[in-house]
Amino acid sequence: MNGIDIGGTALVRSAAKNFESVTVVVDSIDYGAVIEEMRITGGVVSPETNLRLAVKAFERTSRYDGIVSDYLRQRAMARAF
């Protein structure tokens, strides 16, 4: 249970929730595009990019929650037998 990350996912969700003013990057593959957009626009990331990245962030944390849920379900089922 000590390996379950609560804080990191909470920070990612908080950033994604505030996508109108925050750029959240959860995948290193997006770094280059974000940096390039900021270079072209003088440091500004578009609302469209922020929304796309927020969706990706929620998808990532949702996937993580599913992994944790599956793990706990397996433990519960193992104890039931």
Protein backbone atom coordinates (compact mmCIF):
# COMPACT_ATOMS: atom_id res chain seq x y z
CA MET A 1 0.00 0.00 0.00
CA ASN A 2 2.95 2.33 0.51
CA GLY A 3 3.58 2.33 -3.23
CA ILE A 4 0.22 3.90 -4.07
CA ASP A 5 0.77 7.53 -5.07
CA ILE A 6 -1.93 9.84 -3.76
CA GLY A 7 -0.17 13.22 -3.89
CA GLY A 8 1.14 13.08 -7.43
CA THR A 9 -2.20 12.19 -8.94
CA ALA A 10 -3.93 14.87 -6.86
CA LEU A 11 -1.49 17.48 -8.18
CA VAL A 12 -2.02 16.36 -11.77
CA ARG A 13 -5.81 16.47 -11.36
CA SER A 14 -5.63 19.91 -9.77
CA ALA A 15 -3.52 21.24 -12.63
CA ALA A 16 -5.79 19.64 -15.24
CA LYS A 17 -8.90 21.03 -13.54
CA ASN A 18 -7.41 24.50 -13.93
CA PHE A 19 -6.50 23.99 -17.59
CA GLU A 20 -7.70 27.48 -18.53
CA SER A 21 -4.68 28.93 -16.73
CA VAL A 22 -2.36 25.94 -16.24
CA THR A 23 -0.47 23.75 -18.69
CA VAL A 24 -0.14 20.20 -17.38
CA VAL A 25 2.22 17.80 -19.14
CA VAL A 26 2.04 14.15 -18.10
CA ASP A 27 3.84 12.62 -21.07
CA SER A 28 7.38 13.56 -22.03
CA ILE A 29 6.42 13.12 -25.67
CA ASP A 30 4.49 16.42 -25.36
CA TYR A 31 7.44 18.49 -24.09
CA GLY A 32 8.77 19.37 -27.53
CA ALA A 33 5.42 20.56 -28.89
CA VAL A 34 4.70 22.65 -25.79
CA ILE A 35 8.16 24.21 -25.85
CA GLU A 36 7.85 24.94 -29.57
CA GLU A 37 4.42 26.52 -29.10
CA MET A 38 5.79 28.68 -26.30
CA ARG A 39 8.77 29.69 -28.44
CA ILE A 40 6.51 30.75 -31.31
CA THR A 41 3.98 32.58 -29.15
CA GLY A 42 6.33 34.26 -26.71
CA GLY A 43 5.62 31.90 -23.84
CA VAL A 44 1.89 31.41 -24.33
CA VAL A 45 0.21 28.01 -24.56
CA SER A 46 -3.12 28.07 -26.40
CA PRO A 47 -6.40 27.17 -24.70
CA GLU A 48 -6.78 24.31 -27.19
CA THR A 49 -3.42 22.84 -26.22
CA ASN A 50 -4.17 23.24 -22.51
CA LEU A 51 -7.52 21.47 -22.95
CA ARG A 52 -5.96 18.63 -24.95
CA LEU A 53 -3.27 18.18 -22.30
CA ALA A 54 -5.85 18.31 -19.49
CA VAL A 55 -7.81 15.51 -21.16
CA LYS A 56 -4.61 13.49 -21.41
CA ALA A 57 -3.88 14.15 -17.73
CA PHE A 58 -7.31 12.95 -16.60
CA GLU A 59 -7.00 9.89 -18.84
CA ARG A 60 -3.63 9.11 -17.26
CA THR A 61 -4.86 9.49 -13.67
CA SER A 62 -7.98 7.49 -14.48
CA ARG A 63 -5.83 4.67 -15.84
CA TYR A 64 -3.72 4.81 -12.67
CA ASP A 65 -6.84 4.65 -10.50
CA GLY A 66 -7.97 1.60 -12.46
CA ILE A 67 -4.66 -0.14 -11.79
CA VAL A 68 -4.92 0.59 -8.06
CA SER A 69 -8.55 -0.54 -8.00
CA ASP A 70 -7.70 -3.80 -9.76
CA TYR A 71 -4.88 -4.45 -7.30
CA LEU A 72 -7.11 -3.87 -4.28
CA ARG A 73 -9.93 -5.96 -5.77
CA GLN A 74 -7.53 -8.88 -6.28
CA ARG A 75 -6.36 -8.60 -2.68
CA ALA A 76 -9.94 -8.53 -1.43
CA MET A 77 -10.89 -11.56 -3.51
CA ALA A 78 -7.83 -13.48 -2.31
CA ARG A 79 -8.86 -12.86 1.30
CA ALA A 80 -12.44 -13.96 0.64
CA PHE A 81 -11.32 -17.51 -0.21
